Amino acid sequence: SATVAGLADEAAARKIRTRTSWVGRVMGVVLVGGSAGLGYFAWQRNVAYEHRWDEYNAAQAEPSAGGAQDEADFNRRMREALPNTTFQDVQLVILGEMGEHRDAEAVPLLVRARESAGPIRAQAARALARIGLPAAGSAKPDLMRVLPSCTDPPSRAAVVWALAVLNEPQAADAIVEEFGAGHLQGQHGFDPRSIVTVLGVQRLAGMTRHEQVGVRALVA
């Protein structure tokens, strides 16, 4: 009886060991496969990072070396490169180029870029300000839409300045606030006449006793 019981216990133990061994092998395969997948993803990401400037550098090369043939070709290549990169440093440079070259065809891309918070939004707004009217006028509703969510000073100042350049009267309060705080004066191409234009003579006339010294100086 004891022998039979011992044999039964041994058989049960073998079954447990067999089951455990099978589960262990499956888990091992899953873990190895998962690690390999993560490793491959990391490798792909590293390769993409190392080559993140390729499109930009190619456009900057001499025309004889495959670079842009002229400004229009360079602008086109920048528009094509922007959606292809997820790296912020590259995006910021491309957005800056769009503004510097005043690429009117880039306005839809700049409008989409302003959906991103932080530096990307600020850079897109700066580019729209540099493009100016009339080409960037279509961006005004979108800039007004994101204005309430612009809480970091650089983004808010850039968006407000773009609205001032684009002569958006609905942004008048924000323009006065940012100008009075000294946040607009450092924007590229700052010109107080843009503020005067968007505020209008009538509103300026009522600001002679404004609490902000800068605003009173503007009125004067």
N, C-alpha and C. Protein backbone atom coordinates (compact mmCIF):
# COMPACT_ATOMS: atom_id res chain seq x y z
N SER A 1 0.83 -1.20 0.00
CA SER A 1 0.00 0.00 0.00
C SER A 1 0.86 1.25 0.00
N ALA A 2 1.92 1.25 0.88
CA ALA A 2 2.80 2.39 0.92
C ALA A 2 3.57 2.53 -0.38
N THR A 3 3.94 1.34 -0.97
CA THR A 3 4.68 1.35 -2.24
C THR A 3 3.83 1.93 -3.34
N VAL A 4 2.57 1.51 -3.40
CA VAL A 4 1.64 2.01 -4.41
C VAL A 4 1.47 3.52 -4.27
N ALA A 5 1.32 3.96 -3.02
CA ALA A 5 1.16 5.38 -2.78
C ALA A 5 2.40 6.14 -3.23
N GLY A 6 3.60 5.52 -2.95
CA GLY A 6 4.84 6.19 -3.35
C GLY A 6 4.94 6.31 -4.85
N LEU A 7 4.54 5.23 -5.56
CA LEU A 7 4.57 5.26 -7.02
C LEU A 7 3.62 6.31 -7.56
N ALA A 8 2.47 6.40 -6.94
CA ALA A 8 1.48 7.40 -7.37
C ALA A 8 2.02 8.81 -7.18
N ASP A 9 2.67 9.03 -6.03
CA ASP A 9 3.24 10.35 -5.77
C ASP A 9 4.33 10.69 -6.77
N GLU A 10 5.15 9.69 -7.10
CA GLU A 10 6.24 9.91 -8.05
C GLU A 10 5.69 10.24 -9.44
N ALA A 11 4.64 9.52 -9.83
CA ALA A 11 4.02 9.77 -11.13
C ALA A 11 3.44 11.18 -11.18
N ALA A 12 2.81 11.59 -10.09
CA ALA A 12 2.23 12.93 -10.03
C ALA A 12 3.32 13.98 -10.11
N ALA A 13 4.45 13.70 -9.45
CA ALA A 13 5.56 14.65 -9.48
C ALA A 13 6.11 14.79 -10.88
N ARG A 14 6.22 13.61 -11.59
CA ARG A 14 6.72 13.66 -12.97
C ARG A 14 5.81 14.50 -13.85
N LYS A 15 4.50 14.35 -13.66
CA LYS A 15 3.54 15.13 -14.43
C LYS A 15 3.71 16.63 -14.17
N ILE A 16 3.90 16.97 -12.89
CA ILE A 16 4.09 18.38 -12.52
C ILE A 16 5.35 18.92 -13.16
N ARG A 17 6.46 18.08 -13.09
CA ARG A 17 7.72 18.54 -13.67
C ARG A 17 7.59 18.70 -15.17
N THR A 18 6.85 17.78 -15.80
CA THR A 18 6.66 17.85 -17.26
C THR A 18 5.88 19.09 -17.63
N ARG A 19 4.79 19.34 -16.86
CA ARG A 19 3.96 20.51 -17.14
C ARG A 19 4.76 21.80 -16.92
N THR A 20 5.53 21.84 -15.81
CA THR A 20 6.32 23.02 -15.51
C THR A 20 7.38 23.26 -16.58
N SER A 21 8.00 22.18 -17.02
CA SER A 21 9.02 22.28 -18.06
C SER A 21 8.43 22.84 -19.34
N TRP A 22 7.25 22.40 -19.72
CA TRP A 22 6.58 22.85 -20.95
C TRP A 22 6.23 24.34 -20.86
N VAL A 23 5.65 24.72 -19.72
CA VAL A 23 5.30 26.13 -19.51
C VAL A 23 6.56 26.99 -19.52
N GLY A 24 7.61 26.49 -18.89
CA GLY A 24 8.87 27.24 -18.84
C GLY A 24 9.44 27.46 -20.23
N ARG A 25 9.35 26.39 -21.07
CA ARG A 25 9.87 26.54 -22.43
C ARG A 25 9.08 27.58 -23.21
N VAL A 26 7.76 27.56 -23.05
CA VAL A 26 6.93 28.54 -23.75
C VAL A 26 7.25 29.96 -23.29
N MET A 27 7.37 30.12 -21.97
CA MET A 27 7.69 31.44 -21.43
C MET A 27 9.06 31.91 -21.90
N GLY A 28 9.99 30.95 -21.98
CA GLY A 28 11.33 31.29 -22.45
C GLY A 28 11.31 31.80 -23.87
N VAL A 29 10.53 31.11 -24.72
CA VAL A 29 10.41 31.54 -26.12
C VAL A 29 9.80 32.93 -26.21
N VAL A 30 8.75 33.15 -25.40
CA VAL A 30 8.09 34.47 -25.41
C VAL A 30 9.05 35.56 -24.97
N LEU A 31 9.79 35.29 -23.89
CA LEU A 31 10.72 36.30 -23.38
C LEU A 31 11.84 36.57 -24.38
N VAL A 32 12.38 35.53 -24.98
CA VAL A 32 13.45 35.71 -25.97
C VAL A 32 12.93 36.48 -27.18
N GLY A 33 11.70 36.08 -27.63
CA GLY A 33 11.11 36.79 -28.77
C GLY A 33 10.86 38.25 -28.47
N GLY A 34 10.35 38.53 -27.24
CA GLY A 34 10.09 39.91 -26.86
C GLY A 34 11.37 40.72 -26.78
N SER A 35 12.41 40.12 -26.21
CA SER A 35 13.69 40.82 -26.11
C SER A 35 14.26 41.10 -27.49
N ALA A 36 14.13 40.12 -28.39
CA ALA A 36 14.63 40.32 -29.76
C ALA A 36 13.86 41.43 -30.45
N GLY A 37 12.52 41.47 -30.23
CA GLY A 37 11.71 42.52 -30.84
C GLY A 37 12.09 43.90 -30.34
N LEU A 38 12.30 44.01 -29.02
CA LEU A 38 12.71 45.29 -28.44
C LEU A 38 14.09 45.70 -28.94
N GLY A 39 14.96 44.71 -29.05
CA GLY A 39 16.31 45.00 -29.55
C GLY A 39 16.28 45.50 -30.98
N TYR A 40 15.44 44.86 -31.80
CA TYR A 40 15.34 45.27 -33.20
C TYR A 40 14.75 46.67 -33.31
N PHE A 41 13.74 46.96 -32.48
CA PHE A 41 13.15 48.30 -32.49
C PHE A 41 14.18 49.34 -32.09
N ALA A 42 14.96 49.03 -31.05
CA ALA A 42 15.99 49.97 -30.60
C ALA A 42 17.04 50.17 -31.69
N TRP A 43 17.39 49.10 -32.38
CA TRP A 43 18.36 49.21 -33.47
C TRP A 43 17.82 50.08 -34.59
N GLN A 44 16.55 49.86 -34.96
CA GLN A 44 15.93 50.69 -36.00
C GLN A 44 15.92 52.15 -35.60
N ARG A 45 15.56 52.41 -34.35
CA ARG A 45 15.50 53.79 -33.86
C ARG A 45 16.88 54.43 -33.89
N ASN A 46 17.89 53.67 -33.53
CA ASN A 46 19.25 54.20 -33.53
C ASN A 46 19.71 54.53 -34.95
N VAL A 47 19.37 53.66 -35.90
CA VAL A 47 19.72 53.92 -37.31
C VAL A 47 19.02 55.18 -37.80
N ALA A 48 17.74 55.29 -37.48
CA ALA A 48 16.97 56.48 -37.89
C ALA A 48 17.58 57.74 -37.29
N TYR A 49 18.01 57.65 -36.03
CA TYR A 49 18.60 58.81 -35.37
C TYR A 49 19.90 59.22 -36.06
N GLU A 50 20.73 58.24 -36.39
CA GLU A 50 22.01 58.53 -37.03
C GLU A 50 21.82 59.17 -38.41
N HIS A 51 20.71 58.86 -39.05
CA HIS A 51 20.47 59.37 -40.41
C HIS A 51 19.41 60.47 -40.45
N ARG A 52 19.11 61.05 -39.30
CA ARG A 52 17.98 61.97 -39.24
C ARG A 52 18.20 63.24 -40.07
N TRP A 53 19.44 63.61 -40.34
CA TRP A 53 19.73 64.83 -41.09
C TRP A 53 19.93 64.59 -42.59
N ASP A 54 19.77 63.37 -43.02
CA ASP A 54 20.12 63.03 -44.40
C ASP A 54 19.36 63.87 -45.42
N GLU A 55 18.04 63.95 -45.28
CA GLU A 55 17.24 64.71 -46.27
C GLU A 55 17.60 66.19 -46.26
N TYR A 56 17.78 66.73 -45.07
CA TYR A 56 18.12 68.15 -44.96
C TYR A 56 19.49 68.41 -45.57
N ASN A 57 20.47 67.58 -45.21
CA ASN A 57 21.82 67.78 -45.74
C ASN A 57 21.87 67.60 -47.25
N ALA A 58 21.08 66.67 -47.75
CA ALA A 58 21.05 66.45 -49.20
C ALA A 58 20.53 67.69 -49.93
N ALA A 59 19.52 68.33 -49.36
CA ALA A 59 18.97 69.54 -49.98
C ALA A 59 19.97 70.69 -49.91
N GLN A 60 20.81 70.71 -48.88
CA GLN A 60 21.77 71.78 -48.68
C GLN A 60 23.02 71.62 -49.54
N ALA A 61 23.20 70.44 -50.11
CA ALA A 61 24.41 70.18 -50.90
C ALA A 61 24.42 71.01 -52.17
N GLU A 62 25.57 71.05 -52.82
CA GLU A 62 25.69 71.75 -54.09
C GLU A 62 24.77 71.10 -55.13
N PRO A 63 24.20 71.88 -56.03
CA PRO A 63 23.32 71.30 -57.05
C PRO A 63 23.98 70.17 -57.83
N SER A 64 25.27 70.29 -58.09
CA SER A 64 25.99 69.25 -58.83
C SER A 64 26.10 67.95 -58.04
N ALA A 65 25.92 68.06 -56.71
CA ALA A 65 26.01 66.88 -55.84
C ALA A 65 24.63 66.38 -55.43
N GLY A 66 23.59 66.82 -56.13
CA GLY A 66 22.24 66.37 -55.82
C GLY A 66 21.46 67.29 -54.92
N GLY A 67 22.03 68.45 -54.61
CA GLY A 67 21.34 69.40 -53.76
C GLY A 67 20.24 70.14 -54.49
N ALA A 68 19.56 71.02 -53.77
CA ALA A 68 18.46 71.78 -54.37
C ALA A 68 18.97 72.62 -55.53
N GLN A 69 18.19 72.65 -56.58
CA GLN A 69 18.59 73.39 -57.78
C GLN A 69 18.36 74.89 -57.63
N ASP A 70 17.35 75.25 -56.85
CA ASP A 70 17.03 76.66 -56.62
C ASP A 70 16.20 76.76 -55.36
N GLU A 71 15.76 77.95 -55.01
CA GLU A 71 15.00 78.15 -53.78
C GLU A 71 13.68 77.38 -53.80
N ALA A 72 13.01 77.37 -54.93
CA ALA A 72 11.73 76.66 -55.03
C ALA A 72 11.93 75.16 -54.79
N ASP A 73 13.01 74.62 -55.34
CA ASP A 73 13.30 73.20 -55.15
C ASP A 73 13.66 72.92 -53.69
N PHE A 74 14.43 73.82 -53.07
CA PHE A 74 14.77 73.66 -51.65
C PHE A 74 13.52 73.68 -50.79
N ASN A 75 12.63 74.63 -51.04
CA ASN A 75 11.38 74.72 -50.28
C ASN A 75 10.56 73.45 -50.44
N ARG A 76 10.49 72.95 -51.65
CA ARG A 76 9.73 71.71 -51.89
C ARG A 76 10.31 70.56 -51.08
N ARG A 77 11.63 70.46 -51.08
CA ARG A 77 12.27 69.37 -50.36
C ARG A 77 12.09 69.50 -48.85
N MET A 78 12.05 70.72 -48.35
CA MET A 78 11.77 70.91 -46.92
C MET A 78 10.34 70.49 -46.59
N ARG A 79 9.41 70.83 -47.47
CA ARG A 79 8.01 70.43 -47.23
C ARG A 79 7.87 68.91 -47.23
N GLU A 80 8.63 68.25 -48.08
CA GLU A 80 8.57 66.79 -48.14
C GLU A 80 9.28 66.15 -46.94
N ALA A 81 10.32 66.82 -46.45
CA ALA A 81 11.11 66.24 -45.35
C ALA A 81 10.41 66.34 -44.00
N LEU A 82 9.64 67.40 -43.79
CA LEU A 82 9.05 67.63 -42.46
C LEU A 82 8.19 66.46 -41.98
N PRO A 83 7.27 65.93 -42.80
CA PRO A 83 6.44 64.83 -42.29
C PRO A 83 7.21 63.53 -42.11
N ASN A 84 8.43 63.45 -42.66
CA ASN A 84 9.19 62.21 -42.61
C ASN A 84 10.05 62.06 -41.36
N THR A 85 10.13 63.10 -40.56
CA THR A 85 10.99 63.03 -39.38
C THR A 85 10.18 63.17 -38.09
N THR A 86 10.60 62.43 -37.08
CA THR A 86 9.98 62.53 -35.76
C THR A 86 10.94 63.16 -34.76
N PHE A 87 12.11 63.58 -35.23
CA PHE A 87 13.13 64.13 -34.34
C PHE A 87 12.96 65.65 -34.24
N GLN A 88 12.83 66.12 -33.01
CA GLN A 88 12.48 67.52 -32.78
C GLN A 88 13.55 68.47 -33.31
N ASP A 89 14.83 68.12 -33.15
CA ASP A 89 15.87 69.04 -33.60
C ASP A 89 15.80 69.27 -35.11
N VAL A 90 15.49 68.23 -35.85
CA VAL A 90 15.35 68.36 -37.30
C VAL A 90 14.09 69.15 -37.64
N GLN A 91 13.01 68.86 -36.96
CA GLN A 91 11.76 69.58 -37.21
C GLN A 91 11.93 71.08 -36.99
N LEU A 92 12.62 71.45 -35.91
CA LEU A 92 12.80 72.86 -35.60
C LEU A 92 13.58 73.58 -36.70
N VAL A 93 14.61 72.93 -37.21
CA VAL A 93 15.42 73.55 -38.27
C VAL A 93 14.60 73.69 -39.55
N ILE A 94 13.85 72.65 -39.90
CA ILE A 94 13.04 72.71 -41.13
C ILE A 94 11.97 73.80 -41.02
N LEU A 95 11.31 73.89 -39.88
CA LEU A 95 10.32 74.93 -39.67
C LEU A 95 10.96 76.32 -39.79
N GLY A 96 12.16 76.44 -39.24
CA GLY A 96 12.88 77.71 -39.36
C GLY A 96 13.18 78.06 -40.81
N GLU A 97 13.55 77.07 -41.59
CA GLU A 97 13.82 77.30 -43.02
C GLU A 97 12.55 77.75 -43.75
N MET A 98 11.43 77.17 -43.39
CA MET A 98 10.17 77.55 -44.04
C MET A 98 9.86 79.03 -43.79
N GLY A 99 10.15 79.47 -42.57
CA GLY A 99 9.92 80.88 -42.27
C GLY A 99 10.94 81.77 -42.94
N GLU A 100 12.20 81.37 -42.90
CA GLU A 100 13.26 82.19 -43.49
C GLU A 100 13.06 82.38 -44.99
N HIS A 101 12.60 81.33 -45.66
CA HIS A 101 12.37 81.41 -47.10
C HIS A 101 10.96 81.90 -47.44
N ARG A 102 10.18 82.18 -46.41
CA ARG A 102 8.82 82.69 -46.61
C ARG A 102 8.05 81.83 -47.62
N ASP A 103 8.05 80.54 -47.32
CA ASP A 103 7.42 79.57 -48.22
C ASP A 103 5.92 79.55 -48.00
N ALA A 104 5.17 80.20 -48.88
CA ALA A 104 3.71 80.27 -48.75
C ALA A 104 3.08 78.88 -48.84
N GLU A 105 3.67 77.99 -49.61
CA GLU A 105 3.10 76.65 -49.77
C GLU A 105 3.26 75.80 -48.52
N ALA A 106 4.09 76.26 -47.59
CA ALA A 106 4.30 75.51 -46.35
C ALA A 106 3.27 75.85 -45.28
N VAL A 107 2.41 76.84 -45.53
CA VAL A 107 1.45 77.28 -44.51
C VAL A 107 0.60 76.13 -43.97
N PRO A 108 0.02 75.26 -44.82
CA PRO A 108 -0.77 74.14 -44.25
C PRO A 108 0.04 73.26 -43.30
N LEU A 109 1.31 73.01 -43.63
CA LEU A 109 2.16 72.20 -42.76
C LEU A 109 2.44 72.93 -41.44
N LEU A 110 2.62 74.22 -41.52
CA LEU A 110 2.87 75.02 -40.32
C LEU A 110 1.65 75.07 -39.43
N VAL A 111 0.48 75.11 -40.03
CA VAL A 111 -0.77 75.10 -39.27
C VAL A 111 -0.90 73.78 -38.52
N ARG A 112 -0.56 72.67 -39.18
CA ARG A 112 -0.62 71.37 -38.50
C ARG A 112 0.43 71.28 -37.40
N ALA A 113 1.60 71.84 -37.64
CA ALA A 113 2.68 71.76 -36.65
C ALA A 113 2.32 72.51 -35.38
N ARG A 114 1.51 73.55 -35.50
CA ARG A 114 1.17 74.33 -34.31
C ARG A 114 0.32 73.53 -33.33
N GLU A 115 -0.19 72.35 -33.75
CA GLU A 115 -0.92 71.49 -32.82
C GLU A 115 0.01 70.91 -31.76
N SER A 116 1.30 70.82 -32.08
CA SER A 116 2.27 70.30 -31.12
C SER A 116 2.60 71.39 -30.10
N ALA A 117 2.65 71.01 -28.85
CA ALA A 117 2.95 71.99 -27.81
C ALA A 117 4.45 72.25 -27.74
N GLY A 118 4.82 73.31 -27.05
CA GLY A 118 6.21 73.58 -26.79
C GLY A 118 6.98 74.17 -27.96
N PRO A 119 8.24 73.79 -28.11
CA PRO A 119 9.11 74.40 -29.12
C PRO A 119 8.61 74.30 -30.55
N ILE A 120 7.97 73.19 -30.90
CA ILE A 120 7.49 73.02 -32.27
C ILE A 120 6.40 74.04 -32.57
N ARG A 121 5.48 74.21 -31.66
CA ARG A 121 4.41 75.20 -31.85
C ARG A 121 4.99 76.60 -31.97
N ALA A 122 5.95 76.92 -31.10
CA ALA A 122 6.56 78.25 -31.14
C ALA A 122 7.27 78.49 -32.46
N GLN A 123 8.01 77.49 -32.93
CA GLN A 123 8.74 77.65 -34.18
C GLN A 123 7.80 77.77 -35.38
N ALA A 124 6.72 77.02 -35.36
CA ALA A 124 5.73 77.11 -36.44
C ALA A 124 5.10 78.50 -36.46
N ALA A 125 4.79 79.03 -35.29
CA ALA A 125 4.21 80.38 -35.21
C ALA A 125 5.19 81.43 -35.71
N ARG A 126 6.46 81.28 -35.36
CA ARG A 126 7.47 82.23 -35.84
C ARG A 126 7.56 82.20 -37.37
N ALA A 127 7.49 80.99 -37.93
CA ALA A 127 7.55 80.86 -39.38
C ALA A 127 6.34 81.53 -40.03
N LEU A 128 5.17 81.35 -39.45
CA LEU A 128 3.96 81.99 -39.99
C LEU A 128 4.08 83.52 -39.93
N ALA A 129 4.66 84.02 -38.85
CA ALA A 129 4.85 85.47 -38.73
C ALA A 129 5.80 85.99 -39.81
N ARG A 130 6.84 85.22 -40.10
CA ARG A 130 7.80 85.65 -41.12
C ARG A 130 7.20 85.59 -42.52
N ILE A 131 6.34 84.62 -42.75
CA ILE A 131 5.67 84.53 -44.05
C ILE A 131 4.69 85.70 -44.19
N GLY A 132 3.95 85.97 -43.12
CA GLY A 132 3.09 87.16 -43.07
C GLY A 132 1.91 87.14 -44.00
N LEU A 133 1.32 88.33 -44.15
CA LEU A 133 0.16 88.50 -45.03
C LEU A 133 0.63 88.76 -46.46
N PRO A 134 -0.15 88.30 -47.43
CA PRO A 134 -1.44 87.61 -47.30
C PRO A 134 -1.31 86.09 -47.18
N ALA A 135 -0.12 85.55 -47.47
CA ALA A 135 0.03 84.11 -47.60
C ALA A 135 -0.37 83.33 -46.35
N ALA A 136 -0.02 83.85 -45.16
CA ALA A 136 -0.29 83.12 -43.92
C ALA A 136 -1.60 83.54 -43.26
N GLY A 137 -2.38 84.37 -43.91
CA GLY A 137 -3.64 84.84 -43.32
C GLY A 137 -4.60 83.72 -42.97
N SER A 138 -4.54 82.63 -43.72
CA SER A 138 -5.46 81.50 -43.46
C SER A 138 -5.17 80.81 -42.14
N ALA A 139 -4.02 81.09 -41.54
CA ALA A 139 -3.66 80.43 -40.28
C ALA A 139 -4.27 81.10 -39.05
N LYS A 140 -4.86 82.28 -39.22
CA LYS A 140 -5.36 83.03 -38.06
C LYS A 140 -6.37 82.25 -37.22
N PRO A 141 -7.39 81.61 -37.81
CA PRO A 141 -8.35 80.88 -36.96
C PRO A 141 -7.69 79.79 -36.13
N ASP A 142 -6.72 79.10 -36.72
CA ASP A 142 -6.04 78.02 -36.00
C ASP A 142 -5.16 78.57 -34.88
N LEU A 143 -4.51 79.69 -35.13
CA LEU A 143 -3.70 80.30 -34.09
C LEU A 143 -4.57 80.78 -32.92
N MET A 144 -5.72 81.34 -33.24
CA MET A 144 -6.64 81.76 -32.19
C MET A 144 -7.14 80.56 -31.40
N ARG A 145 -7.30 79.44 -32.07
CA ARG A 145 -7.81 78.23 -31.41
C ARG A 145 -6.82 77.70 -30.39
N VAL A 146 -5.52 77.77 -30.69
CA VAL A 146 -4.53 77.21 -29.76
C VAL A 146 -4.07 78.22 -28.71
N LEU A 147 -4.38 79.48 -28.92
CA LEU A 147 -3.90 80.52 -28.00
C LEU A 147 -4.23 80.24 -26.54
N PRO A 148 -5.47 79.84 -26.19
CA PRO A 148 -5.77 79.60 -24.77
C PRO A 148 -4.92 78.49 -24.14
N SER A 149 -4.44 77.56 -24.96
CA SER A 149 -3.65 76.45 -24.41
C SER A 149 -2.16 76.74 -24.40
N CYS A 150 -1.77 77.91 -24.89
CA CYS A 150 -0.35 78.30 -24.88
C CYS A 150 0.00 78.86 -23.50
N THR A 151 0.51 78.03 -22.64
CA THR A 151 0.81 78.46 -21.28
C THR A 151 2.30 78.71 -21.07
N ASP A 152 3.16 78.11 -21.89
CA ASP A 152 4.59 78.38 -21.73
C ASP A 152 4.93 79.68 -22.44
N PRO A 153 5.69 80.56 -21.80
CA PRO A 153 5.94 81.90 -22.34
C PRO A 153 6.48 81.96 -23.77
N PRO A 154 7.45 81.12 -24.16
CA PRO A 154 7.95 81.22 -25.54
C PRO A 154 6.88 80.93 -26.60
N SER A 155 6.07 79.89 -26.36
CA SER A 155 5.03 79.55 -27.33
C SER A 155 3.96 80.63 -27.38
N ARG A 156 3.56 81.11 -26.23
CA ARG A 156 2.50 82.13 -26.20
C ARG A 156 2.97 83.40 -26.90
N ALA A 157 4.20 83.84 -26.61
CA ALA A 157 4.71 85.05 -27.25
C ALA A 157 4.79 84.88 -28.76
N ALA A 158 5.22 83.71 -29.23
CA ALA A 158 5.35 83.48 -30.67
C ALA A 158 4.00 83.47 -31.35
N VAL A 159 3.02 82.82 -30.72
CA VAL A 159 1.67 82.76 -31.30
C VAL A 159 1.04 84.15 -31.32
N VAL A 160 1.18 84.88 -30.23
CA VAL A 160 0.60 86.23 -30.16
C VAL A 160 1.25 87.16 -31.19
N TRP A 161 2.56 87.06 -31.32
CA TRP A 161 3.23 87.91 -32.31
C TRP A 161 2.77 87.56 -33.73
N ALA A 162 2.60 86.28 -34.01
CA ALA A 162 2.09 85.88 -35.33
C ALA A 162 0.71 86.50 -35.57
N LEU A 163 -0.14 86.48 -34.56
CA LEU A 163 -1.47 87.06 -34.70
C LEU A 163 -1.40 88.57 -34.89
N ALA A 164 -0.43 89.22 -34.26
CA ALA A 164 -0.26 90.66 -34.45
C ALA A 164 0.18 90.96 -35.88
N VAL A 165 1.16 90.21 -36.37
CA VAL A 165 1.65 90.40 -37.73
C VAL A 165 0.54 90.14 -38.75
N LEU A 166 -0.30 89.14 -38.44
CA LEU A 166 -1.38 88.78 -39.36
C LEU A 166 -2.62 89.65 -39.14
N ASN A 167 -2.49 90.66 -38.28
CA ASN A 167 -3.54 91.66 -38.09
C ASN A 167 -4.87 91.03 -37.66
N GLU A 168 -4.81 90.28 -36.55
CA GLU A 168 -6.00 89.63 -36.02
C GLU A 168 -6.53 90.43 -34.82
N PRO A 169 -7.59 91.22 -35.00
CA PRO A 169 -8.10 92.06 -33.91
C PRO A 169 -8.64 91.27 -32.73
N GLN A 170 -9.06 90.03 -32.94
CA GLN A 170 -9.57 89.23 -31.82
C GLN A 170 -8.48 88.92 -30.80
N ALA A 171 -7.22 89.08 -31.21
CA ALA A 171 -6.11 88.79 -30.29
C ALA A 171 -5.62 90.05 -29.60
N ALA A 172 -6.35 91.15 -29.71
CA ALA A 172 -5.89 92.45 -29.20
C ALA A 172 -5.53 92.40 -27.71
N ASP A 173 -6.36 91.79 -26.88
CA ASP A 173 -6.08 91.74 -25.44
C ASP A 173 -4.77 90.99 -25.17
N ALA A 174 -4.61 89.87 -25.84
CA ALA A 174 -3.38 89.08 -25.65
C ALA A 174 -2.17 89.84 -26.15
N ILE A 175 -2.32 90.58 -27.23
CA ILE A 175 -1.21 91.37 -27.78
C ILE A 175 -0.78 92.44 -26.78
N VAL A 176 -1.74 93.14 -26.21
CA VAL A 176 -1.43 94.17 -25.22
C VAL A 176 -0.74 93.56 -24.00
N GLU A 177 -1.27 92.43 -23.56
CA GLU A 177 -0.71 91.76 -22.38
C GLU A 177 0.74 91.34 -22.62
N GLU A 178 0.99 90.68 -23.76
CA GLU A 178 2.33 90.18 -24.06
C GLU A 178 3.30 91.32 -24.33
N PHE A 179 2.82 92.37 -25.00
CA PHE A 179 3.69 93.52 -25.26
C PHE A 179 4.03 94.23 -23.95
N GLY A 180 3.03 94.42 -23.10
CA GLY A 180 3.27 95.08 -21.83
C GLY A 180 4.24 94.33 -20.95
N ALA A 181 4.25 92.98 -21.08
CA ALA A 181 5.16 92.16 -20.29
C ALA A 181 6.55 92.08 -20.92
N GLY A 182 6.70 92.68 -22.10
CA GLY A 182 8.01 92.67 -22.77
C GLY A 182 8.33 91.39 -23.49
N HIS A 183 7.30 90.57 -23.80
CA HIS A 183 7.53 89.28 -24.43
C HIS A 183 7.58 89.34 -25.95
N LEU A 184 7.08 90.41 -26.55
CA LEU A 184 7.03 90.49 -28.01
C LEU A 184 8.26 91.18 -28.60
N GLN A 185 8.89 92.01 -27.82
CA GLN A 185 9.98 92.82 -28.34
C GLN A 185 11.16 91.99 -28.85
N GLY A 186 11.28 90.77 -28.37
CA GLY A 186 12.38 89.91 -28.81
C GLY A 186 12.06 89.03 -29.98
N GLN A 187 10.84 89.12 -30.50
CA GLN A 187 10.45 88.29 -31.64
C GLN A 187 11.14 88.77 -32.91
N HIS A 188 11.43 87.81 -33.79
CA HIS A 188 12.12 88.15 -35.03
C HIS A 188 11.29 89.16 -35.84
N GLY A 189 11.96 90.21 -36.29
CA GLY A 189 11.28 91.21 -37.10
C GLY A 189 10.31 92.09 -36.32
N PHE A 190 10.48 92.15 -35.00
CA PHE A 190 9.53 92.95 -34.21
C PHE A 190 9.46 94.38 -34.72
N ASP A 191 8.22 94.85 -34.87
CA ASP A 191 7.96 96.21 -35.31
C ASP A 191 6.71 96.70 -34.59
N PRO A 192 6.82 97.69 -33.75
CA PRO A 192 5.65 98.16 -32.99
C PRO A 192 4.50 98.63 -33.89
N ARG A 193 4.81 98.94 -35.14
CA ARG A 193 3.75 99.37 -36.04
C ARG A 193 2.73 98.25 -36.28
N SER A 194 3.17 97.00 -36.19
CA SER A 194 2.23 95.89 -36.33
C SER A 194 1.20 95.90 -35.21
N ILE A 195 1.65 96.24 -34.00
CA ILE A 195 0.74 96.31 -32.87
C ILE A 195 -0.21 97.50 -33.02
N VAL A 196 0.33 98.62 -33.43
CA VAL A 196 -0.50 99.81 -33.65
C VAL A 196 -1.59 99.52 -34.67
N THR A 197 -1.21 98.80 -35.73
CA THR A 197 -2.16 98.50 -36.80
C THR A 197 -3.29 97.62 -36.30
N VAL A 198 -2.96 96.57 -35.56
CA VAL A 198 -3.99 95.63 -35.14
C VAL A 198 -4.87 96.22 -34.02
N LEU A 199 -4.30 97.07 -33.17
CA LEU A 199 -5.10 97.65 -32.08
C LEU A 199 -5.99 98.78 -32.58
N GLY A 200 -5.48 99.58 -33.49
CA GLY A 200 -6.28 100.69 -34.00
C GLY A 200 -6.13 101.93 -33.15
N VAL A 201 -6.31 103.06 -33.77
CA VAL A 201 -6.12 104.35 -33.10
C VAL A 201 -7.07 104.53 -31.93
N GLN A 202 -8.32 104.11 -32.12
CA GLN A 202 -9.33 104.33 -31.08
C GLN A 202 -8.96 103.60 -29.79
N ARG A 203 -8.53 102.35 -29.92
CA ARG A 203 -8.18 101.59 -28.71
C ARG A 203 -6.90 102.15 -28.09
N LEU A 204 -5.96 102.53 -28.90
CA LEU A 204 -4.71 103.09 -28.37
C LEU A 204 -4.96 104.38 -27.59
N ALA A 205 -5.92 105.17 -28.07
CA ALA A 205 -6.23 106.44 -27.41
C ALA A 205 -6.70 106.24 -25.97
N GLY A 206 -7.28 105.07 -25.70
CA GLY A 206 -7.76 104.80 -24.35
C GLY A 206 -6.74 104.16 -23.45
N MET A 207 -5.48 104.07 -23.92
CA MET A 207 -4.45 103.40 -23.13
C MET A 207 -3.39 104.36 -22.61
N THR A 208 -3.67 105.63 -22.62
CA THR A 208 -2.67 106.61 -22.18
C THR A 208 -2.31 106.46 -20.70
N ARG A 209 -3.19 105.83 -19.93
CA ARG A 209 -2.92 105.63 -18.51
C ARG A 209 -2.81 104.14 -18.17
N HIS A 210 -2.41 103.35 -19.17
CA HIS A 210 -2.28 101.91 -18.94
C HIS A 210 -1.25 101.63 -17.85
N GLU A 211 -1.49 100.58 -17.08
CA GLU A 211 -0.60 100.24 -15.96
C GLU A 211 0.80 99.85 -16.41
N GLN A 212 0.93 99.34 -17.65
CA GLN A 212 2.23 98.94 -18.15
C GLN A 212 2.93 100.11 -18.83
N VAL A 213 4.15 100.38 -18.39
CA VAL A 213 4.92 101.50 -18.94
C VAL A 213 5.14 101.32 -20.44
N GLY A 214 5.41 100.09 -20.86
CA GLY A 214 5.66 99.83 -22.26
C GLY A 214 4.47 100.18 -23.13
N VAL A 215 3.28 99.88 -22.64
CA VAL A 215 2.07 100.18 -23.40
C VAL A 215 1.88 101.70 -23.49
N ARG A 216 2.14 102.40 -22.39
CA ARG A 216 2.01 103.87 -22.43
C ARG A 216 3.02 104.47 -23.40
N ALA A 217 4.20 103.88 -23.45
CA ALA A 217 5.23 104.37 -24.39
C ALA A 217 4.81 104.13 -25.82
N LEU A 218 4.14 103.00 -26.07
CA LEU A 218 3.64 102.72 -27.42
C LEU A 218 2.60 103.74 -27.84
N VAL A 219 1.71 104.07 -26.93
CA VAL A 219 0.66 105.04 -27.23
C VAL A 219 1.27 106.41 -27.51
N ALA A 220 2.27 106.77 -26.73
CA ALA A 220 2.92 108.07 -26.92
C ALA A 220 3.62 108.14 -28.25
